[in-house]
């Protein structure tokens, strides 16, 4: 924000000397970039909704231009479905994901928490460090992030009633990360965590919303 304010001041000074228009900024944004991310984890898929706002300088009149993004991503065994909720466009993989979300029997829910009998062992399997933290009132297990070459960590929420819960992910399961820390110091931490929450099944199929068009891949 400091750099943006400096750039606006320099732009205004230059435009006034050149006789070009200058728009006075009466209200500054709190952040240059902000993103809200909501993650919904089910037994066989993860839906992520992100809403971002970024501000850039308009050199023609020194005003701020607001760029908004609103997107949904659903990951499952059928692939990765990405939907731009502003342009109402979905990628071709979304055509493969129109299957109902699996529902667990009550016996499976009662047998939790914390054990995944079909844990996947691969180079991409997180390694539990033994450390636990509390995030948004929930305990989580710290584990390595295999996709981060700089030794970043994820913290997986404990509790929840589906087999994919926890750092030991089952073959067709998922896991809920409520904190992610990179070696560079970037921290992503959940503001709110709700486990075993009933939501509309439509959350896991954003491509089925009215007006969304699926863009087929050209052969």
Protein backbone atom coordinates (compact mmCIF):
# COMPACT_ATOMS: atom_id res chain seq x y z
CA UNK A 1 0.00 0.00 0.00
CA UNK A 2 2.91 2.36 0.68
CA UNK A 3 4.21 1.81 -2.85
CA UNK A 4 0.72 2.33 -4.28
CA UNK A 5 0.25 5.60 -2.41
CA UNK A 6 3.64 6.79 -3.64
CA UNK A 7 2.77 5.84 -7.23
CA UNK A 8 -0.55 7.70 -7.02
CA UNK A 9 1.17 10.83 -5.67
CA UNK A 10 3.78 10.75 -8.44
CA UNK A 11 1.06 10.19 -11.05
CA UNK A 12 -0.99 13.13 -9.73
CA UNK A 13 2.05 15.42 -9.75
CA UNK A 14 2.99 14.42 -13.30
CA UNK A 15 -0.57 14.68 -14.65
CA UNK A 16 -1.13 18.13 -13.15
CA UNK A 17 2.08 19.43 -14.70
CA UNK A 18 0.97 18.00 -18.05
CA UNK A 19 -2.60 19.26 -17.81
CA UNK A 20 -4.02 15.75 -17.59
CA UNK A 21 -6.96 14.78 -15.37
CA UNK A 22 -6.43 13.68 -11.79
CA UNK A 23 -9.06 11.82 -9.77
CA UNK A 24 -8.77 12.43 -6.04
CA UNK A 25 -8.92 9.26 -3.97
CA UNK A 26 -11.19 9.90 -0.99
CA UNK A 27 -11.19 6.38 0.42
CA UNK A 28 -8.20 4.06 0.24
CA UNK A 29 -8.50 0.29 0.42
CA UNK A 30 -7.11 -1.41 3.51
CA UNK A 31 -5.07 -3.87 1.44
CA UNK A 32 -3.61 -3.90 -2.04
CA UNK A 33 -4.72 -7.49 -2.54
CA UNK A 34 -7.20 -9.49 -0.49
CA UNK A 35 -8.61 -12.97 -0.99
CA UNK A 36 -11.25 -14.83 0.99
CA UNK A 37 -11.14 -18.60 0.56
CA UNK A 38 -13.86 -21.00 1.72
CA UNK A 39 -13.07 -24.73 1.60
CA UNK A 40 -15.71 -27.46 1.84
CA UNK A 41 -14.43 -31.02 2.29
CA UNK A 42 -16.63 -34.06 1.64
CA UNK A 43 -15.86 -37.76 1.61
CA UNK A 44 -14.73 -37.83 -2.02
CA UNK A 45 -14.18 -34.23 -3.12
CA UNK A 46 -13.06 -30.77 -2.08
CA UNK A 47 -14.78 -27.55 -3.17
CA UNK A 48 -12.86 -24.29 -2.88
CA UNK A 49 -14.46 -20.90 -3.38
CA UNK A 50 -12.24 -17.83 -3.64
CA UNK A 51 -13.18 -14.16 -3.84
CA UNK A 52 -10.33 -11.78 -4.57
CA UNK A 53 -10.01 -8.02 -4.96
CA UNK A 54 -6.87 -6.25 -6.21
CA UNK A 55 -6.17 -2.58 -6.88
CA UNK A 56 -3.90 -1.09 -9.54
CA UNK A 57 -3.13 2.44 -10.65
CA UNK A 58 -4.83 3.92 -13.70
CA UNK A 59 -2.10 6.19 -15.14
CA UNK A 60 -4.58 8.12 -17.29
CA UNK A 61 -6.24 9.84 -14.33
CA UNK A 62 -4.38 8.45 -11.25
CA UNK A 63 -7.49 6.65 -10.00
CA UNK A 64 -7.51 3.13 -8.62
CA UNK A 65 -8.87 0.32 -10.74
CA UNK A 66 -10.50 -2.54 -8.86
CA UNK A 67 -10.08 -6.05 -10.26
CA UNK A 68 -12.40 -8.68 -8.81
CA UNK A 69 -12.17 -12.45 -9.13
CA UNK A 70 -14.72 -15.02 -8.03
CA UNK A 71 -14.01 -18.67 -8.72
CA UNK A 72 -14.86 -22.19 -7.62
CA UNK A 73 -12.68 -25.28 -7.91
CA UNK A 74 -13.83 -28.84 -7.21
CA UNK A 75 -11.26 -31.64 -6.98
CA UNK A 76 -12.39 -35.27 -7.10
CA UNK A 77 -11.48 -38.58 -8.71
CA UNK A 78 -13.26 -37.31 -11.82
CA UNK A 79 -10.71 -34.53 -12.22
CA UNK A 80 -10.45 -30.84 -11.42
CA UNK A 81 -13.45 -28.67 -12.27
CA UNK A 82 -12.78 -24.92 -12.39
CA UNK A 83 -15.56 -22.36 -12.68
CA UNK A 84 -15.18 -18.61 -13.18
CA UNK A 85 -18.28 -17.37 -11.39
CA UNK A 86 -18.00 -13.86 -12.86
CA UNK A 87 -17.75 -14.84 -16.52
CA UNK A 88 -19.90 -17.94 -15.80
CA UNK A 89 -17.50 -20.24 -17.64
CA UNK A 90 -16.42 -23.73 -16.57
CA UNK A 91 -13.59 -25.83 -17.98
CA UNK A 92 -14.16 -29.06 -19.85
CA UNK A 93 -13.34 -31.25 -16.84
CA UNK A 94 -16.57 -30.10 -15.21
CA UNK A 95 -18.52 -32.23 -17.64
CA UNK A 96 -17.04 -35.33 -15.96
CA UNK A 97 -17.89 -34.34 -12.41
CA UNK A 98 -21.69 -34.45 -12.46
CA UNK A 99 -21.89 -37.30 -9.97
CA UNK A 100 -23.57 -37.23 -6.61
CA UNK A 101 -21.46 -36.68 -3.55
CA UNK A 102 -21.03 -39.93 -1.65
CA UNK A 103 -22.77 -40.17 1.70
CA UNK A 104 -21.30 -42.20 4.56
CA UNK A 105 -23.38 -44.64 6.59
CA UNK A 106 -23.73 -43.74 10.26
CA UNK A 107 -21.55 -46.71 11.24
CA UNK A 108 -18.65 -45.19 9.32
CA UNK A 109 -19.16 -41.83 10.98
CA UNK A 110 -19.26 -43.39 14.44
CA UNK A 111 -15.98 -45.26 13.91
CA UNK A 112 -13.99 -42.04 13.66
CA UNK A 113 -11.99 -40.02 14.56
CA UNK A 114 -8.44 -40.01 13.33
CA UNK A 115 -7.93 -43.41 11.68
CA UNK A 116 -7.66 -44.07 7.94
CA UNK A 117 -7.25 -47.81 7.30
CA UNK A 118 -6.62 -47.31 3.60
CA UNK A 119 -3.91 -44.68 3.92
CA UNK A 120 -2.05 -43.91 0.70
CA UNK A 121 1.71 -44.29 0.95
CA UNK A 122 3.47 -42.32 -1.77
CA UNK A 123 6.08 -39.57 -2.13
CA UNK A 124 3.19 -37.13 -1.89
CA UNK A 125 1.91 -38.44 1.44
CA UNK A 126 2.30 -35.90 4.26
CA UNK A 127 4.50 -36.92 7.18
CA UNK A 128 3.03 -36.16 10.60
CA UNK A 129 5.52 -34.32 12.80
CA UNK A 130 3.81 -35.01 16.13
CA UNK A 131 3.21 -31.31 16.75
CA UNK A 132 -0.32 -30.09 17.35
CA UNK A 133 -1.73 -26.59 17.18
CA UNK A 134 -5.02 -24.88 17.86
CA UNK A 135 -6.56 -22.91 15.01
CA UNK A 136 -9.98 -21.26 15.23
CA UNK A 137 -10.73 -23.31 18.34
CA UNK A 138 -9.86 -26.66 16.73
CA UNK A 139 -6.86 -28.91 17.26
CA UNK A 140 -4.86 -29.79 14.18
CA UNK A 141 -1.95 -32.13 13.38
CA UNK A 142 1.12 -30.54 11.82
CA UNK A 143 2.45 -32.45 8.82
CA UNK A 144 4.98 -31.80 6.08
CA UNK A 145 3.78 -30.39 2.78
CA UNK A 146 5.29 -32.72 0.14
CA UNK A 147 4.52 -30.23 -2.62
CA UNK A 148 6.57 -27.49 -0.94
CA UNK A 149 10.30 -27.97 -1.67
CA UNK A 150 11.13 -25.47 1.07
CA UNK A 151 9.79 -27.60 3.94
CA UNK A 152 6.46 -25.90 4.40
CA UNK A 153 3.81 -27.43 6.65
CA UNK A 154 0.08 -28.04 6.71
CA UNK A 155 -2.06 -28.45 9.80
CA UNK A 156 -4.92 -30.94 9.42
CA UNK A 157 -8.02 -30.56 11.56
CA UNK A 158 -8.76 -33.39 13.95
CA UNK A 159 -12.31 -34.67 14.21
CA UNK A 160 -14.88 -34.91 11.49
CA UNK A 161 -16.77 -37.97 10.35
CA UNK A 162 -15.50 -38.91 6.90
CA UNK A 163 -12.67 -41.38 6.09
CA UNK A 164 -10.57 -38.84 4.25
CA UNK A 165 -10.03 -36.75 7.36
CA UNK A 166 -6.53 -36.17 8.63
CA UNK A 167 -3.02 -36.23 7.20
CA UNK A 168 -3.28 -39.95 6.34
CA UNK A 169 -5.57 -39.56 3.36
CA UNK A 170 -7.49 -42.57 2.09
CA UNK A 171 -7.39 -43.55 -1.56
CA UNK A 172 -10.55 -41.66 -2.49
CA UNK A 173 -10.68 -39.28 0.43
CA UNK A 174 -9.82 -35.72 1.21
CA UNK A 175 -8.38 -33.76 4.12
CA UNK A 176 -9.13 -30.39 5.67
CA UNK A 177 -6.12 -28.08 6.03
CA UNK A 178 -6.85 -25.25 8.47
CA UNK A 179 -3.35 -23.75 8.52
CA UNK A 180 -0.55 -23.64 5.96
CA UNK A 181 2.88 -22.13 6.59
CA UNK A 182 5.66 -21.81 4.03
CA UNK A 183 9.37 -21.57 4.77
CA UNK A 184 9.28 -18.01 3.38
CA UNK A 185 6.90 -17.00 6.13
CA UNK A 186 3.59 -16.94 4.27
CA UNK A 187 0.83 -18.00 6.65
CA UNK A 188 -2.68 -19.02 5.65
CA UNK A 189 -4.88 -19.63 8.68
CA UNK A 190 -8.59 -20.41 8.90
CA UNK A 191 -10.77 -17.78 10.57
CA UNK A 192 -13.55 -20.29 11.19
CA UNK A 193 -13.75 -24.09 11.16
CA UNK A 194 -16.98 -26.12 11.16
CA UNK A 195 -16.86 -29.92 11.07
CA UNK A 196 -19.64 -32.26 9.95
CA UNK A 197 -21.72 -29.38 8.65
CA UNK A 198 -24.73 -30.06 6.45
CA UNK A 199 -24.57 -28.04 3.23
CA UNK A 200 -26.36 -28.10 -0.08
CA UNK A 201 -24.98 -30.66 -2.50
CA UNK A 202 -24.88 -27.86 -5.10
CA UNK A 203 -21.77 -26.50 -3.37
CA UNK A 204 -19.87 -29.44 -4.85
CA UNK A 205 -21.23 -28.90 -8.36
CA UNK A 206 -20.94 -25.17 -9.14
CA UNK A 207 -20.97 -25.90 -12.85
CA UNK A 208 -24.64 -26.88 -12.58
CA UNK A 209 -25.68 -23.37 -11.50
CA UNK A 210 -27.92 -21.41 -13.82
CA UNK A 211 -26.10 -19.65 -16.62
CA UNK A 212 -22.81 -21.55 -16.29
CA UNK A 213 -21.47 -22.78 -19.63
CA UNK A 214 -18.96 -25.60 -19.91
CA UNK A 215 -16.19 -24.79 -22.38
CA UNK A 216 -15.25 -27.96 -24.21
CA UNK A 217 -11.61 -28.60 -25.00
CA UNK A 218 -10.91 -28.48 -28.71
CA UNK A 219 -9.54 -31.69 -30.22
